[in-house]
Amino acid sequence: MTIEPLFFKPVFKERIWGGTALADFGYTIPSQRTGECWAFAAHQNGQSVVQNGMYKGLTLSELWEHHRHLFGQLEGDRFPLLTKILDADQDLSVQVHPNDEFAKIHENGELGKTECWYIIDCEKDAEIIYGHNAKTKEELIAMIKRGKWEELLRRVKVKPGDFFYVPSGTVHAIGKGILALETQQNSDTTYRLYDYDRKDEEGKLRELHLEKSIEVIEVPSIPERQTVHHEQIEDLLTTTLIECAYFSVGKWKLSGSASLMQQKPFLLISVIEGEGHMISGEYVYPFIKGDHMLLPHGFGEFKLEGYAECIVSHL
């Protein structure tokens, strides 16, 4: 039996802050406010679907449930990761996510949410909110109650190619004019701390989750340092961006050809620029910007040819 890469059809989410930038990936987007592309998704709120081969038409959840050999017989009641591309045409709300223990108790068994962002593109002087300035929980609560958001929230300017690790308990928000690829735990649990007093389509203020947010915010907020590693493999520059308990994420920059070996339980590849093809045995699999490929367990040796940039992740 030929083990082949599995190409996935994403799920798109309309958001109050979304735009049209996802169309630049060749996607047919549902509206002018398309905020999220769920590329690898096995969640009750969104399921990406296999587009090719013998598993065509199956969701990622169905693969995980009924074809666990594709993932090296990993244990777990759900696929562990969720990959998104986010188009922030407007500022996202200021949020914080719980850890696994808190979410299991308070969110009906949902996972916690540790995530990370790779900045694909952004406007000049674009910013994210990344952490806060309170030194104690008491100071945090006082600043929130008094609405001292400018003093509390820590702003960081970003540029294309930047990377940020956002563990659970971190106050964060992606700002206007940013296109980012997000790798996260398979969870849709978000606590909204502040939303700029913004109203939805019905003219209502969006719900906040102040009590839960205050409970899970880490104080003090210590920025996480990432140790970046580079390795040149023929014409492929690989960059390890983060290795943590929940995922490993890296970037591939291909400028010619390179031979590789897939030895992980699974490997997720999202093509964010360029095009090329993958050669496995006698089979050739073309890929272009906007493609998302899962290389199953046992995929083995393969060769990449072309000019492309990809974000890759695995456990």
Protein backbone atom coordinates (compact mmCIF):
# COMPACT_ATOMS: atom_id res chain seq x y z
CA MET A 1 0.00 0.00 0.00
CA THR A 2 1.35 3.43 -0.98
CA ILE A 3 1.61 5.87 1.91
CA GLU A 4 0.84 9.28 0.45
CA PRO A 5 0.66 12.84 1.74
CA LEU A 6 -2.87 13.85 2.71
CA PHE A 7 -3.99 17.27 1.44
CA PHE A 8 -6.69 18.95 3.53
CA LYS A 9 -9.52 21.30 2.60
CA PRO A 10 -9.71 24.05 5.25
CA VAL A 11 -12.71 25.41 7.14
CA PHE A 12 -13.28 29.19 7.06
CA LYS A 13 -14.64 31.30 9.90
CA GLU A 14 -16.20 34.75 9.55
CA ARG A 15 -15.19 37.14 12.31
CA ILE A 16 -16.06 40.74 13.22
CA TRP A 17 -12.37 41.58 12.75
CA GLY A 18 -11.79 39.54 9.56
CA GLY A 19 -10.99 40.71 6.03
CA THR A 20 -10.13 39.38 2.57
CA ALA A 21 -6.40 38.57 2.78
CA LEU A 22 -7.03 34.80 2.88
CA ALA A 23 -8.13 35.02 -0.76
CA ASP A 24 -4.45 35.64 -1.60
CA PHE A 25 -3.82 31.98 -0.77
CA GLY A 26 -6.12 30.93 -3.61
CA TYR A 27 -9.04 30.20 -1.29
CA THR A 28 -12.67 30.94 -2.07
CA ILE A 29 -13.61 32.82 1.09
CA PRO A 30 -17.21 33.18 2.32
CA SER A 31 -17.27 36.96 2.86
CA GLN A 32 -15.40 40.25 3.23
CA ARG A 33 -15.02 39.41 6.94
CA THR A 34 -13.24 36.07 6.75
CA GLY A 35 -10.96 35.97 9.76
CA GLU A 36 -9.80 32.38 10.13
CA CYS A 37 -8.72 29.48 7.94
CA TRP A 38 -8.78 26.28 10.00
CA ALA A 39 -6.24 24.29 8.01
CA PHE A 40 -5.77 21.21 10.20
CA ALA A 41 -8.88 21.00 12.37
CA ALA A 42 -10.47 18.11 14.24
CA HIS A 43 -12.80 20.02 16.54
CA GLN A 44 -16.57 20.05 17.03
CA ASN A 45 -16.54 23.66 15.80
CA GLY A 46 -14.69 22.84 12.58
CA GLN A 47 -13.45 19.80 10.65
CA SER A 48 -10.96 19.91 7.80
CA VAL A 49 -11.46 17.21 5.15
CA VAL A 50 -9.02 15.04 3.15
CA GLN A 51 -8.98 16.01 -0.54
CA ASN A 52 -7.06 13.14 -2.10
CA GLY A 53 -6.36 9.42 -2.12
CA MET A 54 -8.07 6.52 -0.40
CA TYR A 55 -9.16 8.67 2.57
CA LYS A 56 -10.72 11.39 0.42
CA GLY A 57 -13.83 12.86 2.06
CA LEU A 58 -12.93 11.84 5.61
CA THR A 59 -12.50 14.44 8.31
CA LEU A 60 -9.36 14.70 10.38
CA SER A 61 -11.39 13.49 13.38
CA GLU A 62 -12.50 10.40 11.44
CA LEU A 63 -8.89 9.64 10.51
CA TRP A 64 -7.87 9.97 14.15
CA GLU A 65 -10.74 7.80 15.35
CA HIS A 66 -10.64 5.00 12.79
CA HIS A 67 -7.17 5.06 11.21
CA ARG A 68 -4.88 5.67 14.17
CA HIS A 69 -2.02 3.86 12.41
CA LEU A 70 -1.59 7.04 10.32
CA PHE A 71 -0.49 8.76 13.54
CA GLY A 72 1.81 6.05 14.89
CA GLN A 73 -0.90 4.72 17.23
CA LEU A 74 -0.66 7.83 19.41
CA GLU A 75 -2.99 7.77 22.39
CA GLY A 76 -5.61 10.39 23.14
CA ASP A 77 -9.32 11.02 22.67
CA ARG A 78 -8.77 13.76 20.06
CA PHE A 79 -6.24 14.91 17.50
CA PRO A 80 -3.86 17.12 19.55
CA LEU A 81 -3.25 20.13 17.29
CA LEU A 82 -5.14 22.86 15.45
CA THR A 83 -3.50 24.97 12.72
CA LYS A 84 -5.04 28.27 11.59
CA ILE A 85 -4.22 31.21 9.37
CA LEU A 86 -5.61 34.45 10.83
CA ASP A 87 -6.40 37.63 8.88
CA ALA A 88 -6.73 40.52 11.32
CA ASP A 89 -8.28 43.34 9.29
CA GLN A 90 -9.13 44.91 12.66
CA ASP A 91 -7.77 44.43 16.19
CA LEU A 92 -8.70 41.13 17.82
CA SER A 93 -10.08 41.25 21.35
CA VAL A 94 -7.64 40.97 24.24
CA GLN A 95 -7.79 37.38 25.43
CA VAL A 96 -6.31 34.79 27.72
CA HIS A 97 -6.58 30.99 27.58
CA PRO A 98 -6.80 28.47 30.43
CA ASN A 99 -4.47 25.54 30.96
CA ASP A 100 -5.59 21.90 30.63
CA GLU A 101 -6.53 21.50 34.30
CA PHE A 102 -8.71 24.62 34.45
CA ALA A 103 -10.40 23.92 31.11
CA LYS A 104 -11.19 20.32 32.01
CA ILE A 105 -13.05 21.46 35.13
CA HIS A 106 -14.71 24.64 33.84
CA GLU A 107 -15.18 23.95 30.09
CA ASN A 108 -16.78 20.49 29.96
CA GLY A 109 -13.58 18.53 29.40
CA GLU A 110 -12.16 20.87 26.75
CA LEU A 111 -8.38 21.11 26.43
CA GLY A 112 -6.48 24.18 27.54
CA LYS A 113 -4.93 26.38 24.91
CA THR A 114 -1.25 27.04 24.46
CA GLU A 115 -0.52 28.52 21.04
CA CYS A 116 2.11 30.28 18.95
CA TRP A 117 2.13 32.74 16.04
CA TYR A 118 4.28 33.07 12.94
CA ILE A 119 3.82 36.50 11.35
CA ILE A 120 3.38 35.86 7.61
CA ASP A 121 2.80 39.50 6.70
CA CYS A 122 1.80 42.75 8.36
CA GLU A 123 1.32 46.44 7.83
CA LYS A 124 4.08 48.85 8.83
CA ASP A 125 4.06 49.53 12.60
CA ALA A 126 1.57 46.69 13.26
CA GLU A 127 1.42 45.59 16.89
CA ILE A 128 0.39 42.69 19.05
CA ILE A 129 -0.53 42.68 22.72
CA TYR A 130 1.82 40.25 24.43
CA GLY A 131 1.67 40.15 28.22
CA HIS A 132 0.85 42.78 30.83
CA ASN A 133 2.57 45.12 33.27
CA ALA A 134 0.89 44.20 36.59
CA LYS A 135 3.31 42.97 39.25
CA THR A 136 0.72 41.29 41.49
CA LYS A 137 -2.74 39.80 41.09
CA GLU A 138 -4.12 42.63 43.25
CA GLU A 139 -2.61 45.23 40.93
CA LEU A 140 -3.97 43.35 37.93
CA ILE A 141 -7.51 43.37 39.34
CA ALA A 142 -7.30 47.05 40.26
CA MET A 143 -6.10 48.08 36.80
CA ILE A 144 -8.86 46.04 35.12
CA LYS A 145 -11.57 47.50 37.36
CA ARG A 146 -10.36 51.05 36.66
CA GLY A 147 -10.10 50.44 32.92
CA LYS A 148 -6.39 51.31 32.81
CA TRP A 149 -5.86 49.27 29.67
CA GLU A 150 -3.08 51.38 28.16
CA GLU A 151 -1.05 51.04 31.35
CA LEU A 152 -1.81 47.36 31.79
CA LEU A 153 -1.34 45.91 28.32
CA ARG A 154 2.12 45.35 26.88
CA ARG A 155 2.37 46.22 23.16
CA VAL A 156 5.03 44.82 20.81
CA LYS A 157 5.68 45.93 17.22
CA VAL A 158 5.98 43.08 14.73
CA LYS A 159 7.39 42.43 11.28
CA PRO A 160 7.07 39.54 8.78
CA GLY A 161 9.00 36.49 9.98
CA ASP A 162 8.56 37.21 13.70
CA PHE A 163 7.48 34.35 15.96
CA PHE A 164 5.76 34.43 19.35
CA TYR A 165 5.07 31.64 21.84
CA VAL A 166 1.81 32.21 23.74
CA PRO A 167 1.42 29.74 26.62
CA SER A 168 -1.86 29.45 28.52
CA GLY A 169 -2.26 32.27 31.04
CA THR A 170 -0.70 34.87 28.70
CA VAL A 171 -2.70 38.03 27.96
CA HIS A 172 -2.55 38.51 24.19
CA ALA A 173 -4.14 39.92 21.04
CA ILE A 174 -3.24 40.09 17.37
CA GLY A 175 -3.47 43.66 16.11
CA LYS A 176 -4.90 45.21 12.97
CA GLY A 177 -3.08 44.54 9.71
CA ILE A 178 -1.48 41.22 10.67
CA LEU A 179 -1.62 37.91 8.79
CA ALA A 180 -0.41 35.07 11.01
CA LEU A 181 -0.23 31.30 11.08
CA GLU A 182 -1.24 29.95 14.47
CA THR A 183 -0.36 26.52 15.83
CA GLN A 184 -2.23 25.58 19.00
CA GLN A 185 -3.63 22.84 21.14
CA ASN A 186 -6.88 21.45 19.78
CA SER A 187 -9.14 23.77 21.74
CA ASP A 188 -11.60 26.59 21.04
CA THR A 189 -11.68 27.94 24.60
CA THR A 190 -11.04 31.67 24.80
CA TYR A 191 -11.68 34.14 27.63
CA ARG A 192 -12.25 37.68 26.37
CA LEU A 193 -10.71 40.23 28.74
CA TYR A 194 -11.23 43.47 26.80
CA ASP A 195 -12.78 44.35 23.43
CA TYR A 196 -12.29 48.12 23.08
CA ASP A 197 -16.01 48.59 23.87
CA ARG A 198 -16.66 47.30 20.35
CA LYS A 199 -20.21 46.38 19.32
CA ASP A 200 -21.31 43.47 17.16
CA GLU A 201 -23.57 43.56 14.10
CA GLU A 202 -26.62 43.87 16.36
CA GLY A 203 -25.17 46.85 18.20
CA LYS A 204 -24.44 44.90 21.37
CA LEU A 205 -21.23 44.84 23.35
CA ARG A 206 -19.54 41.47 23.02
CA GLU A 207 -19.46 39.20 26.06
CA LEU A 208 -16.46 39.46 28.38
CA HIS A 209 -15.18 36.75 30.74
CA LEU A 210 -13.56 38.83 33.44
CA GLU A 211 -13.77 36.42 36.37
CA LYS A 212 -12.32 33.47 34.48
CA SER A 213 -9.72 35.69 32.82
CA ILE A 214 -8.48 37.05 36.14
CA GLU A 215 -8.31 33.54 37.56
CA VAL A 216 -6.11 32.13 34.80
CA ILE A 217 -3.85 35.12 33.98
CA GLU A 218 -0.25 34.49 35.01
CA VAL A 219 1.19 37.23 37.24
CA PRO A 220 3.76 38.61 36.78
CA SER A 221 3.85 38.31 32.98
CA ILE A 222 7.27 37.06 31.91
CA PRO A 223 7.87 37.03 28.13
CA GLU A 224 8.83 33.59 26.88
CA ARG A 225 12.20 33.41 25.17
CA GLN A 226 12.48 31.15 22.16
CA THR A 227 15.73 29.44 21.26
CA VAL A 228 15.84 29.32 17.48
CA HIS A 229 17.91 26.63 15.74
CA HIS A 230 18.89 26.60 12.06
CA GLU A 231 20.01 23.66 9.94
CA GLN A 232 20.87 23.60 6.25
CA ILE A 233 19.87 20.38 4.45
CA GLU A 234 21.00 20.70 0.83
CA ASP A 235 18.83 23.53 -0.56
CA LEU A 236 16.48 23.58 2.43
CA LEU A 237 16.99 25.90 5.41
CA THR A 238 15.12 24.49 8.41
CA THR A 239 14.44 26.68 11.44
CA THR A 240 13.15 25.25 14.72
CA LEU A 241 10.96 27.99 16.24
CA ILE A 242 9.63 26.30 19.39
CA GLU A 243 9.71 22.93 21.12
CA CYS A 244 7.35 22.63 24.07
CA ALA A 245 5.20 20.04 25.80
CA TYR A 246 2.34 20.53 23.33
CA PHE A 247 4.00 20.89 19.92
CA SER A 248 7.14 21.57 17.94
CA VAL A 249 6.95 24.21 15.20
CA GLY A 250 9.47 25.11 12.53
CA LYS A 251 9.91 26.87 9.21
CA TRP A 252 11.23 25.41 5.97
CA LYS A 253 12.67 27.65 3.25
CA LEU A 254 13.22 25.65 0.07
CA SER A 255 15.35 27.04 -2.75
CA GLY A 256 16.04 24.04 -4.95
CA SER A 257 15.93 20.45 -3.76
CA ALA A 258 16.44 18.47 -0.57
CA SER A 259 16.02 14.88 0.61
CA LEU A 260 14.30 14.29 3.95
CA MET A 261 12.95 11.55 6.20
CA GLN A 262 9.57 11.67 7.96
CA GLN A 263 10.12 9.87 11.27
CA LYS A 264 7.50 11.59 13.47
CA PRO A 265 4.09 10.16 14.41
CA PHE A 266 2.78 12.73 11.89
CA LEU A 267 4.03 15.92 10.24
CA LEU A 268 1.83 18.91 9.33
CA ILE A 269 3.05 21.15 6.49
CA SER A 270 1.41 24.46 5.55
CA VAL A 271 2.72 26.17 2.40
CA ILE A 272 2.74 29.93 3.03
CA GLU A 273 4.68 31.04 -0.07
CA GLY A 274 5.84 29.65 -3.41
CA GLU A 275 5.35 26.24 -4.97
CA GLY A 276 7.07 22.97 -5.69
CA HIS A 277 6.54 19.24 -5.56
CA MET A 278 7.18 16.32 -3.27
CA ILE A 279 8.63 13.08 -4.62
CA SER A 280 7.93 9.83 -2.76
CA GLY A 281 9.10 6.71 -4.57
CA GLU A 282 7.71 6.89 -8.09
CA TYR A 283 4.97 9.38 -7.17
CA VAL A 284 5.09 13.17 -7.53
CA TYR A 285 2.81 15.44 -5.50
CA PRO A 286 2.71 19.13 -6.56
CA PHE A 287 2.00 21.78 -3.94
CA ILE A 288 1.38 25.54 -4.01
CA LYS A 289 0.84 28.40 -1.58
CA GLY A 290 -2.26 27.67 0.50
CA ASP A 291 -1.84 23.89 0.51
CA HIS A 292 -1.84 21.94 3.78
CA MET A 293 -0.33 18.44 3.81
CA LEU A 294 -0.19 15.79 6.51
CA LEU A 295 2.62 13.26 6.17
CA PRO A 296 1.49 10.13 8.05
CA HIS A 297 3.54 7.86 10.27
CA GLY A 298 5.84 5.66 8.20
CA PHE A 299 5.95 8.05 5.24
CA GLY A 300 9.70 7.61 5.22
CA GLU A 301 12.05 9.13 2.66
CA PHE A 302 10.92 11.91 0.34
CA LYS A 303 12.37 14.70 -1.74
CA LEU A 304 11.27 18.31 -2.07
CA GLU A 305 11.89 20.39 -5.20
CA GLY A 306 10.91 24.00 -5.81
CA TYR A 307 10.95 27.42 -4.20
CA ALA A 308 8.66 27.65 -1.20
CA GLU A 309 8.26 28.56 2.46
CA CYS A 310 6.36 26.27 4.83
CA ILE A 311 5.45 26.14 8.48
CA VAL A 312 5.71 22.60 9.84
CA SER A 313 4.55 21.13 13.14
CA HIS A 314 4.47 17.84 15.02
CA LEU A 315 4.39 16.50 18.55
